[in-house]
N, C-alpha and C. Protein backbone atom coordinates (compact mmCIF):
# COMPACT_ATOMS: atom_id res chain seq x y z
N UNK A 1 0.69 -1.24 -0.20
CA UNK A 1 -0.22 -0.16 -0.12
C UNK A 1 0.67 1.22 -0.07
N UNK A 2 0.69 2.40 -0.80
CA UNK A 2 0.93 3.35 -0.66
C UNK A 2 0.47 4.31 0.68
N UNK A 3 0.97 5.64 1.09
CA UNK A 3 0.89 6.47 1.88
C UNK A 3 -0.10 6.71 1.65
N UNK A 4 -1.02 6.59 0.86
CA UNK A 4 -2.95 7.26 0.81
C UNK A 4 -3.74 5.70 0.91
N UNK A 5 -2.97 4.87 1.03
CA UNK A 5 -4.04 3.31 1.54
C UNK A 5 -4.42 2.74 0.11
N UNK A 6 -3.38 3.42 -1.31
CA UNK A 6 -4.15 2.91 -2.67
C UNK A 6 -2.99 1.43 -2.39
N UNK A 7 -3.30 1.21 -3.36
CA UNK A 7 -2.40 -0.12 -3.97
C UNK A 7 -0.78 0.01 -5.25
N UNK A 8 -0.31 -0.03 -4.47
CA UNK A 8 1.20 0.20 -5.83
C UNK A 8 0.83 -0.26 -7.30
N UNK A 9 0.14 -0.18 -7.97
CA UNK A 9 0.87 -0.98 -9.39
C UNK A 9 1.56 -0.63 -9.88
N UNK A 10 2.54 -1.76 -10.65
CA UNK A 10 2.64 -1.70 -11.56
C UNK A 10 3.35 -3.20 -12.51
N UNK A 11 4.12 -2.41 -13.78
CA UNK A 11 3.79 -3.53 -14.33
C UNK A 11 5.07 -4.58 -14.65
N UNK A 12 5.02 -6.08 -15.23
CA UNK A 12 6.00 -6.72 -15.16
C UNK A 12 7.61 -5.94 -14.73
N UNK A 13 7.86 -4.95 -15.64
CA UNK A 13 9.41 -4.30 -16.33
C UNK A 13 9.44 -3.75 -15.16
N UNK A 14 8.42 -2.96 -15.08
CA UNK A 14 8.86 -2.27 -13.77
C UNK A 14 9.40 -2.93 -12.61
N UNK A 15 8.33 -3.78 -12.04
CA UNK A 15 8.52 -4.62 -10.48
C UNK A 15 10.27 -5.04 -11.05
N UNK A 16 11.17 -5.29 -12.56
CA UNK A 16 11.97 -6.64 -13.09
C UNK A 16 13.40 -4.93 -12.54
N UNK A 17 12.58 -3.93 -13.43
CA UNK A 17 13.67 -2.83 -13.58
C UNK A 17 13.88 -2.55 -12.16
N UNK A 18 12.70 -2.46 -10.42
CA UNK A 18 13.17 -1.93 -9.34
C UNK A 18 14.08 -3.25 -9.23
N UNK A 19 14.01 -4.85 -9.26
CA UNK A 19 14.79 -5.83 -8.35
C UNK A 19 16.28 -5.97 -9.12
N UNK A 20 16.33 -5.06 -10.16
CA UNK A 20 17.82 -5.22 -10.11
C UNK A 20 19.04 -3.98 -10.24
N UNK A 21 17.72 -2.99 -10.09
CA UNK A 21 18.05 -2.16 -9.01
C UNK A 21 18.68 -2.00 -7.62
N UNK A 22 17.76 -2.74 -7.68
CA UNK A 22 18.13 -3.20 -6.10
C UNK A 22 19.64 -4.50 -5.64
N UNK A 23 19.32 -4.60 -6.78
CA UNK A 23 20.26 -6.17 -6.31
C UNK A 23 22.36 -5.37 -7.01
N UNK A 24 22.11 -4.17 -7.65
CA UNK A 24 23.52 -3.53 -8.43
C UNK A 24 23.08 -2.89 -6.85
N UNK A 25 22.86 -2.64 -6.76
CA UNK A 25 23.31 -1.91 -5.04
C UNK A 25 23.73 -2.06 -4.03
N UNK A 26 22.81 -3.61 -3.58
CA UNK A 26 23.47 -3.87 -2.72
C UNK A 26 24.91 -4.60 -3.07
N UNK A 27 25.02 -5.18 -4.15
CA UNK A 27 25.53 -5.95 -4.88
C UNK A 27 27.21 -5.37 -5.71
N UNK A 28 27.24 -4.12 -5.98
CA UNK A 28 28.09 -3.80 -6.30
C UNK A 28 27.91 -2.84 -5.63
N UNK A 29 27.38 -1.59 -6.36
CA UNK A 29 27.56 0.20 -5.17
C UNK A 29 27.83 0.39 -3.29
N UNK A 30 27.06 -0.65 -3.21
CA UNK A 30 27.06 -0.75 -1.49
C UNK A 30 29.02 -0.92 -1.47
N UNK A 31 29.32 -1.89 -1.87
CA UNK A 31 30.24 -2.50 -2.11
C UNK A 31 31.63 -0.87 -2.17
N UNK A 32 31.52 -0.15 -3.30
CA UNK A 32 32.53 0.23 -3.67
C UNK A 32 32.19 1.87 -2.63
N UNK A 33 31.64 1.74 -2.18
CA UNK A 33 31.34 2.65 -1.08
C UNK A 33 32.40 3.02 -0.50
N UNK A 34 32.01 1.52 0.32
CA UNK A 34 32.65 1.25 2.03
C UNK A 34 33.44 1.59 1.71
N UNK A 35 34.67 0.39 0.19
CA UNK A 35 35.69 0.90 -0.38
C UNK A 35 36.77 2.77 -0.22
N UNK A 36 35.15 2.80 -0.51
CA UNK A 36 35.80 4.90 -0.56
C UNK A 36 36.21 5.48 0.82
N UNK A 37 34.89 4.56 1.16
CA UNK A 37 35.03 5.31 2.81
C UNK A 37 36.39 5.11 3.58
N UNK A 38 36.68 3.35 3.21
CA UNK A 38 38.32 2.72 3.54
C UNK A 38 39.19 3.66 3.07
N UNK A 39 39.39 4.25 1.89
CA UNK A 39 40.81 4.28 1.41
C UNK A 39 40.46 6.19 1.49
N UNK A 40 39.30 6.89 2.86
CA UNK A 40 38.97 8.02 3.12
C UNK A 40 40.01 7.94 4.33
N UNK A 41 39.91 7.30 4.83
CA UNK A 41 40.15 7.22 6.42
C UNK A 41 41.55 7.10 6.01
N UNK A 42 41.83 6.61 5.01
CA UNK A 42 43.67 6.49 5.59
C UNK A 42 44.18 7.95 4.97
N UNK A 43 43.35 9.26 4.60
CA UNK A 43 43.60 10.58 4.77
C UNK A 43 43.86 11.06 6.30
N UNK A 44 44.09 10.48 7.22
CA UNK A 44 43.79 11.44 8.22
C UNK A 44 42.89 11.39 8.56
N UNK A 45 42.19 12.72 9.55
CA UNK A 45 41.63 13.63 10.24
C UNK A 45 40.72 13.99 9.66
N UNK A 46 39.21 13.06 10.27
CA UNK A 46 38.39 12.81 9.56
C UNK A 46 37.51 14.08 9.50
N UNK A 47 37.43 14.50 10.61
CA UNK A 47 36.87 15.90 11.17
C UNK A 47 37.17 17.22 9.46
N UNK A 48 38.25 16.67 9.20
CA UNK A 48 38.98 17.62 7.69
C UNK A 48 38.63 16.93 6.30
N UNK A 49 37.40 16.21 6.44
CA UNK A 49 38.22 15.10 5.51
C UNK A 49 37.41 15.48 4.08
N UNK A 50 37.34 15.91 3.09
CA UNK A 50 36.11 15.80 2.58
C UNK A 50 35.63 14.75 2.12
N UNK A 51 36.92 14.15 1.26
CA UNK A 51 36.76 12.18 1.54
C UNK A 51 35.46 11.67 1.47
N UNK A 52 35.71 11.98 2.66
CA UNK A 52 35.21 10.52 3.92
C UNK A 52 33.96 11.07 4.18
N UNK A 53 33.57 12.45 4.24
CA UNK A 53 32.62 13.94 4.01
C UNK A 53 31.71 12.21 3.65
N UNK A 54 31.79 13.46 1.97
CA UNK A 54 31.05 12.51 0.77
C UNK A 54 30.69 11.39 0.58
N UNK A 55 31.49 10.34 0.82
CA UNK A 55 31.23 8.70 0.80
C UNK A 55 30.35 8.45 1.77
N UNK A 56 30.08 8.84 2.96
CA UNK A 56 29.36 9.01 3.71
C UNK A 56 27.94 9.17 3.55
N UNK A 57 27.79 10.02 2.77
CA UNK A 57 26.85 11.16 2.62
C UNK A 57 26.47 9.80 1.03
N UNK A 58 27.39 9.59 0.34
CA UNK A 58 26.66 8.66 -0.51
C UNK A 58 26.26 7.32 0.04
N UNK A 59 26.99 6.98 1.21
CA UNK A 59 26.59 5.62 1.75
C UNK A 59 24.82 6.22 2.45
N UNK A 60 24.71 7.31 2.44
CA UNK A 60 23.19 7.62 3.03
C UNK A 60 22.57 7.46 2.26
N UNK A 61 23.15 7.86 1.47
CA UNK A 61 21.88 7.75 -0.09
C UNK A 61 21.68 5.97 -0.93
N UNK A 62 22.53 5.35 -0.44
CA UNK A 62 22.40 4.39 -1.23
C UNK A 62 22.14 3.50 -0.44
N UNK A 63 21.82 3.30 0.83
CA UNK A 63 21.20 1.97 2.31
C UNK A 63 19.56 3.14 2.44
N UNK A 64 19.60 4.53 2.08
CA UNK A 64 18.16 4.56 1.94
C UNK A 64 17.54 3.80 0.36
N UNK A 65 17.84 3.99 -0.37
CA UNK A 65 17.41 3.11 -1.49
C UNK A 65 17.02 1.83 -1.76
N UNK A 66 17.87 1.32 -1.37
CA UNK A 66 18.11 -0.29 -0.97
C UNK A 66 16.25 0.10 0.42
N UNK A 67 16.61 0.56 1.60
CA UNK A 67 15.39 0.14 2.13
C UNK A 67 14.43 0.73 1.43
N UNK A 68 14.85 2.06 0.66
CA UNK A 68 12.52 2.34 0.08
C UNK A 68 12.81 1.47 -0.85
N UNK A 69 14.15 0.97 -1.41
CA UNK A 69 13.15 0.18 -2.94
C UNK A 69 12.62 -1.28 -2.83
N UNK A 70 12.90 -2.59 -1.07
CA UNK A 70 12.78 -3.12 -0.61
C UNK A 70 11.29 -3.36 -0.10
N UNK A 71 11.46 -1.99 0.90
CA UNK A 71 9.62 -1.39 1.47
C UNK A 71 8.47 -1.78 -0.29
N UNK A 72 8.56 -0.64 -1.12
CA UNK A 72 7.95 -0.99 -2.19
C UNK A 72 7.89 -2.36 -2.92
N UNK A 73 8.61 -3.42 -3.11
CA UNK A 73 8.46 -4.14 -3.61
C UNK A 73 8.09 -5.52 -2.53
N UNK A 74 7.99 -5.23 -1.81
CA UNK A 74 6.61 -5.62 -0.52
C UNK A 74 5.40 -5.82 -0.78
N UNK A 75 4.63 -4.22 -0.92
CA UNK A 75 3.64 -4.38 -1.20
C UNK A 75 2.93 -3.38 -2.53
N UNK A 76 3.89 -3.68 -3.84
CA UNK A 76 3.44 -3.53 -4.97
C UNK A 76 2.32 -4.35 -5.86
N UNK A 77 1.12 -4.11 -6.69
CA UNK A 77 0.65 -5.34 -7.12
C UNK A 77 1.20 -5.66 -8.73
N UNK A 78 1.44 -6.38 -8.82
CA UNK A 78 2.14 -6.34 -10.56
C UNK A 78 1.25 -6.98 -10.85
N UNK A 79 1.07 -6.18 -12.90
CA UNK A 79 0.47 -6.43 -13.71
C UNK A 79 0.88 -7.21 -14.35
N UNK A 80 0.64 -8.85 -14.50
CA UNK A 80 1.47 -9.02 -15.97
C UNK A 80 0.67 -8.94 -16.87
N UNK A 81 2.04 -9.55 -17.66
CA UNK A 81 2.17 -9.07 -19.34
C UNK A 81 0.82 -9.75 -19.98
N UNK A 82 0.30 -11.06 -19.21
CA UNK A 82 -0.94 -11.92 -19.84
C UNK A 82 -2.44 -10.85 -19.35
N UNK A 83 -2.09 -10.31 -18.32
CA UNK A 83 -3.31 -9.41 -17.76
C UNK A 83 -3.66 -8.17 -18.79
N UNK A 84 -2.51 -8.32 -19.20
CA UNK A 84 -3.63 -5.99 -20.84
C UNK A 84 -3.39 -7.06 -21.78
N UNK A 85 -4.90 -6.30 -21.30
CA UNK A 85 -5.96 -7.32 -22.37
C UNK A 85 -5.43 -5.52 -23.25
N UNK A 86 -6.65 -5.92 -24.30
CA UNK A 86 -6.72 -4.75 -25.36
C UNK A 86 -8.03 -4.36 -26.25
N UNK A 87 -8.88 -4.53 -24.55
CA UNK A 87 -10.60 -4.11 -24.99
C UNK A 87 -11.06 -2.69 -24.80
N UNK A 88 -10.29 -2.65 -23.65
CA UNK A 88 -10.15 -0.83 -23.17
C UNK A 88 -8.50 -0.99 -22.29
N UNK A 89 -8.69 0.50 -22.14
CA UNK A 89 -7.46 0.92 -22.17
C UNK A 89 -7.10 0.41 -20.45
N UNK A 90 -6.48 -0.26 -20.17
CA UNK A 90 -5.63 -0.29 -17.83
C UNK A 90 -4.05 -0.21 -18.05
N UNK A 91 -3.81 -0.44 -17.06
CA UNK A 91 -2.21 0.22 -16.59
C UNK A 91 -1.51 -1.09 -17.67
N UNK A 92 0.05 -1.07 -18.08
CA UNK A 92 0.18 -1.52 -18.74
C UNK A 92 0.12 -1.33 -20.44
N UNK A 93 -0.92 -1.26 -20.29
CA UNK A 93 -1.20 -0.57 -21.94
C UNK A 93 -0.87 0.18 -22.40
N UNK A 94 -0.50 -0.10 -24.37
CA UNK A 94 0.05 1.21 -24.78
C UNK A 94 -0.97 1.85 -25.84
N UNK A 95 -1.11 2.85 -25.56
CA UNK A 95 -2.44 3.81 -26.39
C UNK A 95 -1.52 4.87 -27.40
N UNK A 96 -2.60 4.58 -28.22
CA UNK A 96 -1.92 5.80 -29.41
C UNK A 96 -3.44 6.96 -29.41
N UNK A 97 -2.99 7.52 -29.09
CA UNK A 97 -4.51 8.72 -29.03
C UNK A 97 -4.30 10.35 -29.72
N UNK A 98 -4.83 10.52 -31.24
CA UNK A 98 -5.31 12.27 -31.21
C UNK A 98 -5.39 12.57 -30.94
N UNK A 99 -4.95 14.17 -30.47
CA UNK A 99 -5.05 15.50 -29.79
C UNK A 99 -6.49 16.43 -30.68
N UNK A 100 -7.97 15.94 -30.91
CA UNK A 100 -8.75 16.48 -31.64
C UNK A 100 -8.55 18.06 -32.20
N UNK A 101 -8.26 19.07 -31.26
CA UNK A 101 -7.81 19.67 -31.50
C UNK A 101 -6.63 20.88 -32.02
N UNK A 102 -5.61 19.90 -32.27
CA UNK A 102 -4.69 20.06 -32.69
C UNK A 102 -4.23 18.89 -34.25
N UNK A 103 -4.36 17.74 -33.97
CA UNK A 103 -4.70 16.64 -35.05
C UNK A 103 -3.67 16.30 -34.92
N UNK A 104 -3.14 15.90 -32.73
CA UNK A 104 -1.56 15.47 -33.13
C UNK A 104 -1.99 14.28 -32.62
N UNK A 105 -1.07 13.18 -32.89
CA UNK A 105 -0.46 11.55 -32.70
C UNK A 105 -0.13 11.52 -31.32
N UNK A 106 -0.66 10.98 -30.57
CA UNK A 106 1.00 10.33 -29.85
C UNK A 106 0.50 8.63 -29.21
N UNK A 107 1.80 8.84 -28.46
CA UNK A 107 1.01 7.09 -28.29
C UNK A 107 2.17 6.92 -26.67
N UNK A 108 1.24 6.56 -25.70
CA UNK A 108 1.69 6.13 -24.10
C UNK A 108 1.75 5.24 -24.22
N UNK A 109 2.82 4.50 -22.79
CA UNK A 109 2.26 3.36 -22.11
C UNK A 109 1.71 4.15 -20.46
N UNK A 110 0.45 3.52 -20.68
CA UNK A 110 0.06 3.95 -19.16
C UNK A 110 0.83 2.62 -18.24
N UNK A 111 0.72 3.45 -16.86
CA UNK A 111 1.65 2.54 -15.83
C UNK A 111 1.33 3.20 -15.01
N UNK A 112 2.63 2.21 -13.70
CA UNK A 112 1.98 2.55 -11.80
C UNK A 112 2.60 4.11 -11.87
N UNK A 113 2.30 4.67 -10.87
CA UNK A 113 2.30 6.28 -10.88
C UNK A 113 4.63 5.81 -9.94
N UNK A 114 5.21 4.83 -9.48
CA UNK A 114 5.88 4.76 -9.97
C UNK A 114 7.67 4.38 -10.63
N UNK A 115 6.30 4.48 -12.12
CA UNK A 115 6.93 4.04 -13.08
C UNK A 115 7.29 5.45 -13.95
N UNK A 116 5.81 6.35 -13.79
CA UNK A 116 5.91 7.22 -14.75
C UNK A 116 7.39 7.95 -14.77
N UNK A 117 6.95 7.89 -16.33
CA UNK A 117 8.39 8.81 -16.62
C UNK A 117 8.29 8.92 -18.44
N UNK A 118 7.15 10.85 -18.73
CA UNK A 118 6.46 11.64 -19.12
C UNK A 118 7.64 12.05 -20.40
N UNK A 119 9.02 11.88 -20.49
CA UNK A 119 10.21 11.77 -21.36
C UNK A 119 9.73 10.80 -22.26
N UNK A 120 9.56 9.90 -22.31
CA UNK A 120 10.04 7.94 -22.95
C UNK A 120 8.53 8.03 -22.94
N UNK A 121 7.13 8.65 -22.96
CA UNK A 121 6.21 7.68 -23.65
C UNK A 121 5.12 6.96 -22.11
N UNK A 122 5.90 7.40 -21.13
CA UNK A 122 5.48 6.52 -19.70
C UNK A 122 4.82 7.39 -19.13
N UNK A 123 2.97 7.52 -18.94
CA UNK A 123 2.65 8.44 -18.63
C UNK A 123 1.73 7.60 -17.16
N UNK A 124 1.56 8.27 -15.91
CA UNK A 124 0.91 7.40 -15.47
C UNK A 124 -0.89 6.97 -14.73
N UNK A 125 -1.27 6.30 -14.13
CA UNK A 125 -2.51 6.02 -14.55
C UNK A 125 -3.22 6.73 -13.46
N UNK A 126 -2.08 7.79 -12.85
CA UNK A 126 -2.78 8.90 -11.31
C UNK A 126 -3.31 9.77 -12.64
N UNK A 127 -2.11 9.93 -13.18
CA UNK A 127 -1.85 11.36 -13.55
C UNK A 127 -3.41 12.11 -14.70
N UNK A 128 -3.41 13.06 -14.72
CA UNK A 128 -4.28 13.47 -15.49
C UNK A 128 -5.29 12.93 -16.35
N UNK A 129 -4.10 12.64 -17.91
CA UNK A 129 -4.21 11.62 -19.35
C UNK A 129 -4.62 10.63 -18.56
N UNK A 130 -3.86 10.41 -17.16
CA UNK A 130 -3.83 8.15 -17.44
C UNK A 130 -4.56 8.10 -17.20
N UNK A 131 -5.50 9.18 -16.18
CA UNK A 131 -6.72 8.43 -15.79
C UNK A 131 -7.94 8.38 -16.51
N UNK A 132 -7.55 9.60 -17.09
CA UNK A 132 -8.81 9.60 -18.55
C UNK A 132 -9.11 8.87 -19.41
N UNK A 133 -7.66 8.45 -19.84
CA UNK A 133 -8.00 7.47 -20.73
C UNK A 133 -8.10 5.90 -19.91
N UNK A 134 -8.37 5.42 -18.63
CA UNK A 134 -8.64 3.48 -17.97
C UNK A 134 -9.73 3.77 -18.40
N UNK A 135 -10.11 2.56 -19.01
CA UNK A 135 -11.60 2.16 -19.54
C UNK A 135 -12.09 2.71 -20.24
N UNK A 136 -11.35 3.03 -21.45
CA UNK A 136 -11.57 3.53 -22.60
C UNK A 136 -11.50 2.77 -23.80
N UNK A 137 -12.28 3.10 -24.26
CA UNK A 137 -12.08 2.02 -25.62
C UNK A 137 -11.66 2.74 -27.15
N UNK A 138 -11.41 1.99 -28.21
CA UNK A 138 -10.79 2.48 -29.23
C UNK A 138 -11.82 3.12 -30.42
N UNK A 139 -12.00 4.80 -30.74
CA UNK A 139 -12.37 4.96 -31.00
C UNK A 139 -13.15 5.80 -30.27
N UNK A 140 -13.27 5.79 -29.09
CA UNK A 140 -14.46 7.00 -27.96
C UNK A 140 -13.23 8.20 -27.86
N UNK A 141 -14.22 9.24 -27.77
CA UNK A 141 -12.93 10.43 -27.36
C UNK A 141 -12.84 10.90 -25.58
N UNK A 142 -11.62 10.38 -25.24
CA UNK A 142 -12.27 11.11 -23.62
C UNK A 142 -11.88 13.04 -23.75
N UNK A 143 -11.81 13.60 -22.82
CA UNK A 143 -11.67 14.34 -21.85
C UNK A 143 -11.34 14.95 -20.83
N UNK A 144 -10.11 15.61 -21.10
CA UNK A 144 -8.93 15.23 -19.88
C UNK A 144 -8.50 17.47 -19.60
N UNK A 145 -9.44 17.49 -18.56
CA UNK A 145 -8.84 18.88 -17.43
C UNK A 145 -7.69 19.57 -17.58
N UNK A 146 -6.78 20.40 -18.25
CA UNK A 146 -6.16 20.82 -19.10
C UNK A 146 -6.28 22.30 -17.96
N UNK A 147 -5.02 22.40 -17.78
CA UNK A 147 -4.69 24.19 -16.83
C UNK A 147 -5.82 25.45 -18.20
N UNK A 148 -5.35 24.83 -19.30
CA UNK A 148 -6.33 26.37 -19.93
C UNK A 148 -7.71 26.04 -20.25
N UNK A 149 -8.26 24.51 -19.62
CA UNK A 149 -9.78 24.03 -20.05
C UNK A 149 -10.07 22.55 -19.72
N UNK A 150 -10.17 22.00 -21.82
CA UNK A 150 -10.15 21.06 -21.20
C UNK A 150 -9.66 20.10 -22.50
N UNK A 151 -9.07 19.45 -22.87
CA UNK A 151 -8.22 18.90 -24.36
C UNK A 151 -9.70 17.39 -23.97
N UNK A 152 -9.35 16.91 -25.95
CA UNK A 152 -10.46 16.33 -26.11
C UNK A 152 -9.32 15.18 -27.38
N UNK A 153 -9.27 14.51 -26.45
CA UNK A 153 -8.09 12.60 -27.30
C UNK A 153 -9.21 11.50 -27.80
N UNK A 154 -9.00 11.77 -28.66
CA UNK A 154 -9.64 10.33 -29.03
C UNK A 154 -8.43 9.20 -29.41
N UNK A 155 -9.15 8.04 -28.74
CA UNK A 155 -8.59 7.32 -29.24
C UNK A 155 -8.39 5.94 -30.48
N UNK A 156 -6.99 5.56 -30.77
CA UNK A 156 -7.01 5.24 -32.10
C UNK A 156 -6.12 3.89 -31.78
N UNK A 157 -5.99 3.44 -31.70
CA UNK A 157 -4.96 2.11 -31.05
C UNK A 157 -5.21 1.49 -29.42
N UNK A 158 -5.31 0.29 -29.19
CA UNK A 158 -4.94 0.12 -27.96
C UNK A 158 -4.16 -1.67 -27.78
N UNK A 159 -3.05 -1.11 -27.34
CA UNK A 159 -2.43 -2.71 -27.52
C UNK A 159 -1.44 -2.71 -26.17
N UNK A 160 -0.71 -4.23 -26.14
CA UNK A 160 0.28 -4.75 -25.20
C UNK A 160 1.43 -4.03 -25.60
């Protein structure tokens, strides 16, 4: 469960990516930082040792990220690729939409909030566009509240 009590939904790709990052942090990064701390200690007086302070700060960040990933991995609800259907838009769907006002076509993958990456066309199911698209079928027009008013998008295609 997330802080707001809702299940944290994640695709299988996102789940595997989180597991891979956690494994890297535990097996590689943690040891790299420990080695940096060991070397920095050899420089002498720790009270004026910038390398030591920097390495300790990085250690804190790495350990915090490990804890965060472990906590998230325990509570996520993974959407299996086989559970992604194409009848309507859901988490895991790739949806092609057309902005009716500007006649622009865009393609997005609907993902859980933990995987959101708008620069790479991965939008959260909790975002304004993502939540408006959920449940829509090919051919339907969905309206999305935007700062300037309302935008209309037509669903062109839904796929896995």
